[in-house]
C-alpha cells in the first residue's frame, strides 16, 4: 500500500532514509525476537526440571508425614504442628533481562519449624518438616521462573507484532512509494525534456 505523500525529490530522500532506518530496526527486532525465543525455551526446560524435582520432594515429605501419623497417637501430629513458630516473609527485587524487569524473590525466615517435644512425636515428623523447609527456596525459584516466562512470552508477542508490521506493512509501503515517486519524477523529467525540445524547435524555426 502506497503512502499518501507528494512525489517530490525531498520526499524521495526522506523515504530512503526512513526505509534504511526501518530495515535496521527490523533486523534489531528480529534479533531480539530470536533471543527472546531462546530464553523462553531455556526457562521452559528449567521450569520442567524444577517442577519434577519439587514434586518428587513433596512426595517424600508427604510420605514422612504419613509414617509419622501412623506411628504417633491420634492427633499428635496436629498438636505438634501447632507448636511451630516458623514465619516466612518474601522480599521482592528485580533485575533486567532484554530491557525487562525480571522478579527476584528472597526468603526471610524467623522462628523454628520444630517447636514441639520429642517424647510424643516420631522422627519421621522431623524429617517431613526438614523436607518442607528445603522446598521453600525451590518454590520461590519456581515462582521466579514462571513469572519470568510469562513476561518473556508477553514481550515476544509485542516484538513479533512490531516485526510483522515492519516486514509486511511499513517497509513494503515505503518501497512501493519510492518506486511510484521515481516513476513520477521520470515522467516529469521526460515532460520537461519534451517541452524543452519543442521550445528549441520553435526558436530555430523563427531564426
N, C-alpha and C. Protein backbone atom coordinates (compact mmCIF):
# COMPACT_ATOMS: atom_id res chain seq x y z
N UNK A 1 0.86 -1.20 0.00
CA UNK A 1 0.00 0.00 0.00
C UNK A 1 0.89 1.24 0.00
N UNK A 2 0.69 2.08 -1.01
CA UNK A 2 1.49 3.28 -1.19
C UNK A 2 1.13 4.32 -0.14
N UNK A 3 2.16 5.01 0.35
CA UNK A 3 1.95 6.09 1.31
C UNK A 3 1.42 7.32 0.59
N UNK A 4 0.58 8.06 1.27
CA UNK A 4 -0.05 9.25 0.67
C UNK A 4 0.82 10.47 0.94
N UNK A 5 1.86 10.64 0.09
CA UNK A 5 2.75 11.80 0.20
C UNK A 5 3.01 12.34 -1.20
N UNK A 6 3.35 13.63 -1.32
CA UNK A 6 3.60 14.21 -2.64
C UNK A 6 4.88 13.64 -3.27
N UNK A 7 4.87 13.40 -4.58
CA UNK A 7 6.05 12.81 -5.27
C UNK A 7 7.12 13.87 -5.58
N UNK A 8 7.86 14.25 -4.57
CA UNK A 8 8.92 15.23 -4.75
C UNK A 8 10.27 14.61 -4.41
N UNK A 9 11.34 15.25 -4.86
CA UNK A 9 12.68 14.75 -4.56
C UNK A 9 12.97 14.80 -3.05
N UNK A 10 12.46 15.82 -2.38
CA UNK A 10 12.65 15.92 -0.94
C UNK A 10 12.02 14.73 -0.23
N UNK A 11 10.79 14.40 -0.65
CA UNK A 11 10.11 13.24 -0.05
C UNK A 11 10.81 11.93 -0.40
N UNK A 12 11.39 11.87 -1.59
CA UNK A 12 12.12 10.67 -2.00
C UNK A 12 13.34 10.45 -1.10
N UNK A 13 14.08 11.50 -0.83
CA UNK A 13 15.23 11.39 0.08
C UNK A 13 14.79 11.01 1.49
N UNK A 14 13.68 11.63 1.92
CA UNK A 14 13.15 11.31 3.25
C UNK A 14 12.75 9.84 3.35
N UNK A 15 12.09 9.32 2.31
CA UNK A 15 11.64 7.93 2.32
C UNK A 15 12.82 6.96 2.29
N UNK A 16 13.87 7.31 1.56
CA UNK A 16 15.05 6.43 1.52
C UNK A 16 15.69 6.34 2.90
N UNK A 17 15.79 7.48 3.59
CA UNK A 17 16.34 7.45 4.94
C UNK A 17 15.42 6.67 5.88
N UNK A 18 14.13 6.90 5.75
CA UNK A 18 13.16 6.19 6.60
C UNK A 18 13.18 4.69 6.34
N UNK A 19 13.33 4.31 5.07
CA UNK A 19 13.41 2.89 4.73
C UNK A 19 14.65 2.25 5.32
N UNK A 20 15.76 2.97 5.29
CA UNK A 20 17.00 2.46 5.86
C UNK A 20 16.86 2.25 7.37
N UNK A 21 16.25 3.22 8.05
CA UNK A 21 16.02 3.10 9.49
C UNK A 21 15.07 1.94 9.79
N UNK A 22 14.02 1.79 8.97
CA UNK A 22 13.04 0.72 9.20
C UNK A 22 13.68 -0.65 9.02
N UNK A 23 14.54 -0.81 8.01
CA UNK A 23 15.20 -2.11 7.80
C UNK A 23 16.18 -2.42 8.94
N UNK A 24 16.87 -1.37 9.42
CA UNK A 24 17.79 -1.57 10.54
C UNK A 24 17.02 -1.94 11.80
N UNK A 25 15.89 -1.24 12.03
CA UNK A 25 15.05 -1.56 13.18
C UNK A 25 14.46 -2.96 13.09
N UNK A 26 14.09 -3.35 11.88
CA UNK A 26 13.55 -4.70 11.67
C UNK A 26 14.58 -5.77 12.03
N UNK A 27 15.82 -5.54 11.63
CA UNK A 27 16.88 -6.51 11.94
C UNK A 27 17.11 -6.61 13.45
N UNK A 28 17.14 -5.45 14.12
CA UNK A 28 17.34 -5.46 15.58
C UNK A 28 16.19 -6.17 16.29
N UNK A 29 14.96 -5.89 15.85
CA UNK A 29 13.81 -6.54 16.47
C UNK A 29 13.79 -8.04 16.19
N UNK A 30 14.23 -8.41 14.99
CA UNK A 30 14.30 -9.83 14.65
C UNK A 30 15.32 -10.54 15.54
N UNK A 31 16.46 -9.90 15.75
CA UNK A 31 17.47 -10.47 16.64
C UNK A 31 16.93 -10.58 18.07
N UNK A 32 16.20 -9.55 18.50
CA UNK A 32 15.61 -9.59 19.85
C UNK A 32 14.59 -10.71 19.95
N UNK A 33 13.79 -10.90 18.90
CA UNK A 33 12.80 -11.96 18.89
C UNK A 33 13.47 -13.34 19.01
N UNK A 34 14.55 -13.53 18.27
CA UNK A 34 15.27 -14.80 18.33
C UNK A 34 15.85 -15.04 19.73
N UNK A 35 16.40 -13.98 20.33
CA UNK A 35 16.97 -14.13 21.67
C UNK A 35 15.87 -14.40 22.71
N UNK A 36 14.73 -13.74 22.56
CA UNK A 36 13.60 -14.00 23.46
C UNK A 36 13.14 -15.45 23.35
N UNK A 37 13.07 -15.96 22.13
CA UNK A 37 12.66 -17.35 21.95
C UNK A 37 13.67 -18.30 22.59
N UNK A 38 14.96 -17.99 22.46
CA UNK A 38 15.98 -18.83 23.08
C UNK A 38 15.83 -18.83 24.60
N UNK A 39 15.59 -17.64 25.16
CA UNK A 39 15.42 -17.55 26.61
C UNK A 39 14.16 -18.30 27.06
N UNK A 40 13.09 -18.19 26.28
CA UNK A 40 11.84 -18.86 26.63
C UNK A 40 12.03 -20.37 26.67
N UNK A 41 12.69 -20.92 25.65
CA UNK A 41 12.94 -22.36 25.63
C UNK A 41 13.81 -22.78 26.81
N UNK A 42 14.77 -21.92 27.15
CA UNK A 42 15.64 -22.21 28.30
C UNK A 42 14.84 -22.27 29.59
N UNK A 43 13.93 -21.29 29.79
CA UNK A 43 13.13 -21.27 31.01
C UNK A 43 12.09 -22.39 31.03
N UNK A 44 11.55 -22.75 29.88
CA UNK A 44 10.61 -23.88 29.83
C UNK A 44 11.30 -25.15 30.32
N UNK A 45 12.52 -25.37 29.86
CA UNK A 45 13.28 -26.56 30.28
C UNK A 45 13.57 -26.51 31.78
N UNK A 46 14.00 -25.34 32.28
CA UNK A 46 14.34 -25.22 33.70
C UNK A 46 13.11 -25.40 34.58
N UNK A 47 11.97 -24.85 34.14
CA UNK A 47 10.73 -25.00 34.91
C UNK A 47 10.30 -26.46 34.96
N UNK A 48 10.40 -27.15 33.84
CA UNK A 48 10.01 -28.56 33.81
C UNK A 48 10.88 -29.38 34.75
N UNK A 49 12.19 -29.15 34.70
CA UNK A 49 13.10 -29.89 35.57
C UNK A 49 12.84 -29.57 37.04
N UNK A 50 12.61 -28.29 37.35
CA UNK A 50 12.40 -27.89 38.74
C UNK A 50 11.08 -28.43 39.27
N UNK A 51 10.05 -28.43 38.44
CA UNK A 51 8.74 -28.97 38.85
C UNK A 51 8.85 -30.45 39.19
N UNK A 52 9.55 -31.20 38.35
CA UNK A 52 9.72 -32.63 38.61
C UNK A 52 10.44 -32.87 39.93
N UNK A 53 11.48 -32.05 40.20
CA UNK A 53 12.23 -32.20 41.44
C UNK A 53 11.35 -31.85 42.65
N UNK A 54 10.57 -30.76 42.53
CA UNK A 54 9.69 -30.36 43.64
C UNK A 54 8.63 -31.42 43.90
N UNK A 55 8.04 -31.95 42.84
CA UNK A 55 7.00 -32.98 43.01
C UNK A 55 7.58 -34.22 43.71
N UNK A 56 8.80 -34.60 43.33
CA UNK A 56 9.44 -35.75 43.97
C UNK A 56 9.70 -35.49 45.45
N UNK A 57 10.19 -34.29 45.77
CA UNK A 57 10.48 -33.97 47.17
C UNK A 57 9.20 -33.82 47.99
N UNK A 58 8.13 -33.32 47.36
CA UNK A 58 6.85 -33.25 48.06
C UNK A 58 6.32 -34.64 48.38
N UNK A 59 6.47 -35.56 47.43
CA UNK A 59 6.03 -36.94 47.69
C UNK A 59 6.79 -37.53 48.88
N UNK A 60 8.11 -37.25 48.92
CA UNK A 60 8.90 -37.74 50.04
C UNK A 60 8.45 -37.12 51.36
N UNK A 61 8.19 -35.81 51.35
CA UNK A 61 7.75 -35.14 52.58
C UNK A 61 6.41 -35.69 53.05
N UNK A 62 5.47 -35.87 52.11
CA UNK A 62 4.16 -36.42 52.49
C UNK A 62 4.28 -37.85 53.00
N UNK A 63 5.23 -38.60 52.43
CA UNK A 63 5.45 -39.97 52.91
C UNK A 63 5.91 -39.96 54.35
N UNK A 64 6.81 -39.03 54.71
CA UNK A 64 7.27 -38.93 56.10
C UNK A 64 6.13 -38.49 57.03
N UNK A 65 5.29 -37.58 56.55
CA UNK A 65 4.13 -37.18 57.34
C UNK A 65 3.21 -38.38 57.59
N UNK A 66 3.03 -39.19 56.57
CA UNK A 66 2.18 -40.37 56.69
C UNK A 66 2.77 -41.36 57.70
N UNK A 67 4.09 -41.60 57.58
CA UNK A 67 4.74 -42.51 58.52
C UNK A 67 4.65 -41.98 59.95
N UNK A 68 4.84 -40.66 60.10
CA UNK A 68 4.77 -40.05 61.44
C UNK A 68 3.38 -40.21 62.03
N UNK A 69 2.35 -39.96 61.23
CA UNK A 69 0.97 -40.07 61.72
C UNK A 69 0.63 -41.50 62.10
N UNK A 70 1.18 -42.44 61.35
CA UNK A 70 0.87 -43.85 61.64
C UNK A 70 1.58 -44.35 62.90
N UNK A 71 2.67 -43.71 63.30
CA UNK A 71 3.44 -44.16 64.47
C UNK A 71 3.05 -43.41 65.74
N UNK A 72 2.38 -42.26 65.60
CA UNK A 72 2.06 -41.42 66.75
C UNK A 72 0.62 -41.63 67.20
N UNK A 73 0.33 -41.10 68.36
CA UNK A 73 -1.03 -41.16 68.86
C UNK A 73 -1.95 -40.28 68.00
N UNK A 74 -3.24 -40.59 67.97
CA UNK A 74 -4.17 -39.77 67.18
C UNK A 74 -4.07 -38.28 67.55
N UNK A 75 -4.07 -37.47 66.58
CA UNK A 75 -3.99 -36.00 66.70
C UNK A 75 -2.65 -35.50 67.24
N UNK A 76 -1.70 -36.39 67.46
CA UNK A 76 -0.40 -35.94 67.98
C UNK A 76 0.32 -35.08 66.95
N UNK A 77 0.16 -35.43 65.67
CA UNK A 77 0.81 -34.65 64.60
C UNK A 77 0.24 -33.23 64.56
N UNK A 78 -1.10 -33.13 64.63
CA UNK A 78 -1.74 -31.80 64.60
C UNK A 78 -1.30 -30.96 65.80
N UNK A 79 -1.23 -31.57 66.98
CA UNK A 79 -0.82 -30.84 68.17
C UNK A 79 0.63 -30.39 68.08
N UNK A 80 1.48 -31.25 67.50
CA UNK A 80 2.89 -30.90 67.35
C UNK A 80 3.05 -29.73 66.38
N UNK A 81 2.28 -29.74 65.30
CA UNK A 81 2.40 -28.67 64.30
C UNK A 81 1.89 -27.33 64.83
N UNK A 82 1.00 -27.36 65.81
CA UNK A 82 0.53 -26.11 66.41
C UNK A 82 1.65 -25.39 67.14
N UNK A 83 2.69 -26.12 67.51
CA UNK A 83 3.82 -25.51 68.24
C UNK A 83 4.86 -24.90 67.30
N UNK A 84 4.67 -25.06 66.00
CA UNK A 84 5.63 -24.50 65.03
C UNK A 84 5.54 -22.97 65.05
N UNK A 85 6.67 -22.31 65.19
CA UNK A 85 6.71 -20.83 65.26
C UNK A 85 7.34 -20.20 64.01
N UNK A 86 7.63 -21.03 63.04
CA UNK A 86 8.36 -20.53 61.87
C UNK A 86 7.48 -19.59 61.05
N UNK A 87 8.07 -18.48 60.61
CA UNK A 87 7.37 -17.50 59.76
C UNK A 87 8.26 -17.17 58.57
N UNK A 88 7.64 -17.05 57.41
CA UNK A 88 8.39 -16.81 56.17
C UNK A 88 7.85 -15.55 55.50
N UNK A 89 8.73 -14.59 55.30
CA UNK A 89 8.40 -13.40 54.51
C UNK A 89 9.20 -13.44 53.21
N UNK A 90 8.62 -12.87 52.16
CA UNK A 90 9.26 -12.87 50.84
C UNK A 90 9.57 -11.43 50.45
N UNK A 91 10.84 -11.16 50.18
CA UNK A 91 11.27 -9.84 49.70
C UNK A 91 11.39 -9.86 48.19
N UNK A 92 10.95 -8.78 47.57
CA UNK A 92 10.94 -8.68 46.11
C UNK A 92 12.01 -7.70 45.64
N UNK A 93 12.74 -8.10 44.63
CA UNK A 93 13.65 -7.20 43.92
C UNK A 93 13.56 -7.54 42.44
N UNK A 94 14.30 -6.81 41.61
CA UNK A 94 14.20 -7.04 40.16
C UNK A 94 15.56 -6.89 39.50
N UNK A 95 15.74 -7.63 38.44
CA UNK A 95 16.92 -7.46 37.59
C UNK A 95 16.44 -7.38 36.14
N UNK A 96 17.30 -6.85 35.26
CA UNK A 96 16.88 -6.61 33.88
C UNK A 96 17.43 -7.68 32.95
N UNK A 97 16.54 -8.20 32.10
CA UNK A 97 16.90 -9.11 31.01
C UNK A 97 16.23 -8.58 29.76
N UNK A 98 17.03 -8.19 28.76
CA UNK A 98 16.48 -7.67 27.50
C UNK A 98 15.49 -6.54 27.74
N UNK A 99 15.87 -5.64 28.65
CA UNK A 99 15.06 -4.47 28.99
C UNK A 99 13.76 -4.83 29.70
N UNK A 100 13.67 -6.03 30.26
CA UNK A 100 12.51 -6.45 31.04
C UNK A 100 12.91 -6.51 32.51
N UNK A 101 12.00 -6.12 33.39
CA UNK A 101 12.23 -6.25 34.83
C UNK A 101 11.82 -7.66 35.27
N UNK A 102 12.82 -8.46 35.60
CA UNK A 102 12.58 -9.84 36.00
C UNK A 102 12.57 -9.92 37.53
N UNK A 103 11.55 -10.55 38.13
CA UNK A 103 11.46 -10.58 39.59
C UNK A 103 12.48 -11.52 40.22
N UNK A 104 12.93 -11.13 41.41
CA UNK A 104 13.79 -11.96 42.24
C UNK A 104 13.17 -12.01 43.64
N UNK A 105 12.91 -13.22 44.12
CA UNK A 105 12.29 -13.40 45.43
C UNK A 105 13.32 -13.93 46.42
N UNK A 106 13.36 -13.32 47.59
CA UNK A 106 14.28 -13.74 48.64
C UNK A 106 13.48 -14.04 49.91
N UNK A 107 13.75 -15.18 50.51
CA UNK A 107 13.02 -15.57 51.71
C UNK A 107 13.67 -14.98 52.95
N UNK A 108 12.84 -14.55 53.90
CA UNK A 108 13.31 -14.12 55.22
C UNK A 108 12.57 -14.97 56.24
N UNK A 109 13.33 -15.81 56.93
CA UNK A 109 12.74 -16.80 57.83
C UNK A 109 13.01 -16.42 59.27
N UNK A 110 11.98 -16.54 60.09
CA UNK A 110 12.12 -16.34 61.53
C UNK A 110 11.37 -17.47 62.25
N UNK A 111 11.77 -17.76 63.46
CA UNK A 111 11.12 -18.83 64.21
C UNK A 111 11.69 -20.19 63.87
N UNK A 112 11.01 -21.22 64.38
CA UNK A 112 11.50 -22.59 64.24
C UNK A 112 10.41 -23.51 63.74
N UNK A 113 10.81 -24.48 62.92
CA UNK A 113 9.86 -25.49 62.45
C UNK A 113 9.56 -26.49 63.56
N UNK A 114 10.59 -26.82 64.32
CA UNK A 114 10.44 -27.82 65.38
C UNK A 114 10.29 -27.10 66.71
N UNK A 115 9.05 -26.97 67.16
CA UNK A 115 8.80 -26.30 68.43
C UNK A 115 8.10 -27.22 69.41
N UNK A 116 8.10 -28.47 69.14
CA UNK A 116 7.38 -29.45 69.96
C UNK A 116 8.39 -30.36 70.68
N UNK A 117 7.90 -31.09 71.64
CA UNK A 117 8.75 -32.04 72.34
C UNK A 117 8.91 -33.32 71.53
N UNK A 118 9.97 -34.04 71.81
CA UNK A 118 10.28 -35.24 71.04
C UNK A 118 9.71 -36.51 71.66
N UNK A 119 9.14 -36.41 72.84
CA UNK A 119 8.69 -37.60 73.54
C UNK A 119 7.50 -38.26 72.86
N UNK A 120 6.56 -37.44 72.40
CA UNK A 120 5.33 -38.00 71.84
C UNK A 120 5.30 -37.95 70.31
N UNK A 121 6.39 -37.58 69.69
CA UNK A 121 6.42 -37.48 68.23
C UNK A 121 7.47 -38.41 67.65
N UNK A 122 7.27 -38.74 66.38
CA UNK A 122 8.18 -39.63 65.67
C UNK A 122 9.27 -38.82 64.96
N UNK A 123 10.41 -39.45 64.75
CA UNK A 123 11.49 -38.79 64.00
C UNK A 123 11.09 -38.53 62.56
N UNK A 124 10.09 -39.27 62.07
CA UNK A 124 9.62 -39.05 60.69
C UNK A 124 9.00 -37.66 60.54
N UNK A 125 8.38 -37.15 61.60
CA UNK A 125 7.82 -35.81 61.56
C UNK A 125 8.93 -34.77 61.40
N UNK A 126 10.05 -34.97 62.10
CA UNK A 126 11.19 -34.06 61.96
C UNK A 126 11.70 -34.06 60.52
N UNK A 127 11.79 -35.25 59.92
CA UNK A 127 12.27 -35.36 58.54
C UNK A 127 11.29 -34.72 57.57
N UNK A 128 10.00 -34.86 57.83
CA UNK A 128 8.98 -34.25 56.96
C UNK A 128 9.11 -32.73 56.96
N UNK A 129 9.26 -32.16 58.16
CA UNK A 129 9.40 -30.70 58.25
C UNK A 129 10.70 -30.22 57.63
N UNK A 130 11.74 -31.02 57.77
CA UNK A 130 13.02 -30.67 57.14
C UNK A 130 12.88 -30.64 55.62
N UNK A 131 12.17 -31.62 55.08
CA UNK A 131 11.94 -31.66 53.62
C UNK A 131 11.15 -30.43 53.16
N UNK A 132 10.14 -30.06 53.94
CA UNK A 132 9.34 -28.88 53.59
C UNK A 132 10.19 -27.62 53.63
N UNK A 133 11.05 -27.51 54.65
CA UNK A 133 11.95 -26.34 54.74
C UNK A 133 12.84 -26.24 53.50
N UNK A 134 13.35 -27.36 53.06
CA UNK A 134 14.24 -27.36 51.88
C UNK A 134 13.49 -26.99 50.61
N UNK A 135 12.18 -27.18 50.62
CA UNK A 135 11.38 -26.89 49.42
C UNK A 135 11.10 -25.40 49.25
N UNK A 136 11.21 -24.63 50.31
CA UNK A 136 10.81 -23.21 50.25
C UNK A 136 11.61 -22.46 49.19
N UNK A 137 12.93 -22.61 49.22
CA UNK A 137 13.76 -21.87 48.26
C UNK A 137 13.48 -22.33 46.83
N UNK A 138 13.20 -23.62 46.65
CA UNK A 138 12.90 -24.12 45.31
C UNK A 138 11.54 -23.61 44.81
N UNK A 139 10.59 -23.50 45.73
CA UNK A 139 9.28 -22.95 45.34
C UNK A 139 9.39 -21.49 44.93
N UNK A 140 10.21 -20.72 45.64
CA UNK A 140 10.44 -19.32 45.26
C UNK A 140 11.15 -19.24 43.91
N UNK A 141 12.10 -20.14 43.70
CA UNK A 141 12.80 -20.17 42.42
C UNK A 141 11.84 -20.51 41.29
N UNK A 142 10.94 -21.45 41.54
CA UNK A 142 9.94 -21.81 40.53
C UNK A 142 9.02 -20.62 40.24
N UNK A 143 8.63 -19.88 41.28
CA UNK A 143 7.79 -18.69 41.08
C UNK A 143 8.52 -17.65 40.23
N UNK A 144 9.82 -17.46 40.48
CA UNK A 144 10.62 -16.54 39.66
C UNK A 144 10.62 -16.98 38.20
N UNK A 145 10.89 -18.25 37.96
CA UNK A 145 10.98 -18.76 36.59
C UNK A 145 9.65 -18.61 35.85
N UNK A 146 8.55 -18.95 36.54
CA UNK A 146 7.25 -18.90 35.88
C UNK A 146 6.83 -17.46 35.57
N UNK A 147 7.12 -16.53 36.50
CA UNK A 147 6.81 -15.12 36.22
C UNK A 147 7.70 -14.59 35.10
N UNK A 148 8.96 -14.98 35.10
CA UNK A 148 9.87 -14.57 34.02
C UNK A 148 9.39 -15.10 32.68
N UNK A 149 8.96 -16.34 32.66
CA UNK A 149 8.44 -16.93 31.42
C UNK A 149 7.22 -16.17 30.93
N UNK A 150 6.34 -15.78 31.85
CA UNK A 150 5.15 -15.01 31.47
C UNK A 150 5.54 -13.66 30.86
N UNK A 151 6.51 -12.98 31.49
CA UNK A 151 6.95 -11.68 30.97
C UNK A 151 7.62 -11.83 29.60
N UNK A 152 8.43 -12.86 29.44
CA UNK A 152 9.10 -13.10 28.16
C UNK A 152 8.09 -13.41 27.06
N UNK A 153 7.06 -14.19 27.40
CA UNK A 153 6.03 -14.53 26.41
C UNK A 153 5.27 -13.28 25.96
N UNK A 154 4.96 -12.40 26.92
CA UNK A 154 4.28 -11.14 26.58
C UNK A 154 5.16 -10.27 25.69
N UNK A 155 6.46 -10.19 26.03
CA UNK A 155 7.38 -9.36 25.27
C UNK A 155 7.61 -9.90 23.87
N UNK A 156 7.69 -11.22 23.73
CA UNK A 156 7.92 -11.78 22.38
C UNK A 156 6.70 -11.56 21.50
N UNK A 157 5.51 -11.54 22.09
CA UNK A 157 4.31 -11.27 21.30
C UNK A 157 4.32 -9.82 20.81
N UNK A 158 4.70 -8.89 21.68
CA UNK A 158 4.80 -7.48 21.26
C UNK A 158 5.86 -7.32 20.16
N UNK A 159 7.00 -7.97 20.36
CA UNK A 159 8.09 -7.88 19.38
C UNK A 159 7.67 -8.49 18.05
N UNK A 160 6.96 -9.61 18.11
CA UNK A 160 6.51 -10.26 16.87
C UNK A 160 5.57 -9.35 16.08
N UNK A 161 4.66 -8.65 16.79
CA UNK A 161 3.75 -7.73 16.09
C UNK A 161 4.52 -6.58 15.44
N UNK A 162 5.54 -6.07 16.12
CA UNK A 162 6.35 -4.98 15.55
C UNK A 162 7.14 -5.47 14.34
N UNK A 163 7.72 -6.66 14.44
CA UNK A 163 8.47 -7.23 13.31
C UNK A 163 7.56 -7.40 12.11
N UNK A 164 6.37 -7.94 12.33
CA UNK A 164 5.43 -8.16 11.23
C UNK A 164 4.96 -6.84 10.63
N UNK A 165 4.73 -5.83 11.51
CA UNK A 165 4.29 -4.53 11.00
C UNK A 165 5.36 -3.91 10.10
N UNK A 166 6.63 -4.03 10.50
CA UNK A 166 7.71 -3.51 9.67
C UNK A 166 7.88 -4.33 8.39
N UNK A 167 7.86 -5.65 8.53
CA UNK A 167 8.18 -6.53 7.41
C UNK A 167 7.08 -6.57 6.35
N UNK A 168 5.83 -6.53 6.79
CA UNK A 168 4.73 -6.73 5.85
C UNK A 168 3.92 -5.48 5.55
N UNK A 169 4.13 -4.40 6.31
CA UNK A 169 3.33 -3.19 6.09
C UNK A 169 4.21 -1.99 5.76
N UNK A 170 5.03 -1.57 6.74
CA UNK A 170 5.76 -0.31 6.56
C UNK A 170 6.83 -0.39 5.48
N UNK A 171 7.73 -1.39 5.56
CA UNK A 171 8.82 -1.48 4.57
C UNK A 171 8.29 -1.66 3.15
N UNK A 172 7.32 -2.58 2.90
CA UNK A 172 6.77 -2.67 1.54
C UNK A 172 6.10 -1.37 1.08
N UNK A 173 5.41 -0.67 2.01
CA UNK A 173 4.76 0.59 1.64
C UNK A 173 5.80 1.64 1.25
N UNK A 174 6.90 1.70 2.00
CA UNK A 174 7.96 2.65 1.66
C UNK A 174 8.57 2.32 0.31
N UNK A 175 8.86 1.04 0.07
CA UNK A 175 9.46 0.64 -1.21
C UNK A 175 8.52 0.92 -2.38
N UNK A 176 7.24 0.65 -2.18
CA UNK A 176 6.27 0.93 -3.25
C UNK A 176 6.16 2.43 -3.52
N UNK A 177 6.19 3.23 -2.46
CA UNK A 177 6.10 4.68 -2.62
C UNK A 177 7.35 5.23 -3.31
N UNK A 178 8.52 4.68 -2.99
CA UNK A 178 9.76 5.11 -3.64
C UNK A 178 9.70 4.82 -5.14
N UNK A 179 9.20 3.63 -5.50
CA UNK A 179 9.05 3.30 -6.93
C UNK A 179 8.08 4.26 -7.61
N UNK A 180 6.98 4.56 -6.93
CA UNK A 180 5.99 5.47 -7.50
C UNK A 180 6.58 6.87 -7.71
N UNK A 181 7.31 7.36 -6.72
CA UNK A 181 7.90 8.70 -6.84
C UNK A 181 8.95 8.71 -7.95
N UNK A 182 9.76 7.65 -8.04
CA UNK A 182 10.75 7.57 -9.13
C UNK A 182 10.09 7.62 -10.49
N UNK A 183 8.97 6.90 -10.65
CA UNK A 183 8.24 6.92 -11.91
C UNK A 183 7.69 8.32 -12.20
N UNK A 184 7.13 8.95 -11.19
CA UNK A 184 6.58 10.28 -11.37
C UNK A 184 7.66 11.29 -11.73
N UNK A 185 8.80 11.20 -11.04
CA UNK A 185 9.91 12.12 -11.35
C UNK A 185 10.44 11.88 -12.76
N UNK A 186 10.48 10.60 -13.18
CA UNK A 186 10.91 10.29 -14.55
C UNK A 186 9.95 10.86 -15.57
N UNK A 187 8.65 10.76 -15.28
CA UNK A 187 7.64 11.34 -16.19
C UNK A 187 7.80 12.85 -16.27
N UNK A 188 8.05 13.48 -15.11
CA UNK A 188 8.23 14.93 -15.11
C UNK A 188 9.47 15.32 -15.91
N UNK A 189 10.56 14.55 -15.75
CA UNK A 189 11.79 14.84 -16.50
C UNK A 189 11.58 14.67 -18.00
N UNK A 190 10.85 13.60 -18.38
CA UNK A 190 10.57 13.40 -19.81
C UNK A 190 9.69 14.52 -20.35
N UNK A 191 8.70 14.94 -19.53
CA UNK A 191 7.84 16.05 -19.95
C UNK A 191 8.62 17.34 -20.12
N UNK A 192 9.54 17.62 -19.15
CA UNK A 192 10.37 18.82 -19.25
C UNK A 192 11.27 18.77 -20.47
N UNK A 193 11.84 17.57 -20.74
CA UNK A 193 12.70 17.42 -21.91
C UNK A 193 11.93 17.63 -23.20
N UNK A 194 10.72 17.08 -23.25
CA UNK A 194 9.89 17.26 -24.45
C UNK A 194 9.56 18.73 -24.68
N UNK A 195 9.19 19.42 -23.60
CA UNK A 195 8.87 20.85 -23.74
C UNK A 195 10.10 21.65 -24.16
N UNK A 196 11.26 21.30 -23.62
CA UNK A 196 12.49 22.00 -23.98
C UNK A 196 12.82 21.81 -25.46
N UNK A 197 12.63 20.58 -25.96
CA UNK A 197 12.89 20.33 -27.38
C UNK A 197 11.93 21.10 -28.26
N UNK A 198 10.68 21.21 -27.84
CA UNK A 198 9.71 21.99 -28.63
C UNK A 198 10.09 23.48 -28.66
N UNK A 199 10.54 23.94 -27.49
CA UNK A 199 10.96 25.37 -27.45
C UNK A 199 12.13 25.58 -28.39
N UNK A 200 13.08 24.66 -28.41
CA UNK A 200 14.22 24.79 -29.29
C UNK A 200 13.78 24.78 -30.75
N UNK A 201 12.84 23.90 -31.09
CA UNK A 201 12.34 23.85 -32.47
C UNK A 201 11.66 25.16 -32.86
N UNK A 202 10.89 25.71 -31.93
CA UNK A 202 10.20 26.98 -32.21
C UNK A 202 11.21 28.09 -32.43
N UNK A 203 12.25 28.11 -31.58
CA UNK A 203 13.30 29.14 -31.70
C UNK A 203 14.03 29.01 -33.02
N UNK A 204 14.36 27.78 -33.42
CA UNK A 204 15.08 27.56 -34.67
C UNK A 204 14.22 27.96 -35.88
N UNK A 205 12.93 27.67 -35.78
CA UNK A 205 12.06 27.98 -36.93
C UNK A 205 11.92 29.48 -37.14
N UNK A 206 12.13 30.25 -36.09
CA UNK A 206 11.98 31.70 -36.21
C UNK A 206 13.28 32.38 -36.62
N UNK A 207 14.40 31.62 -36.59
CA UNK A 207 15.69 32.21 -36.97
C UNK A 207 15.83 32.24 -38.49
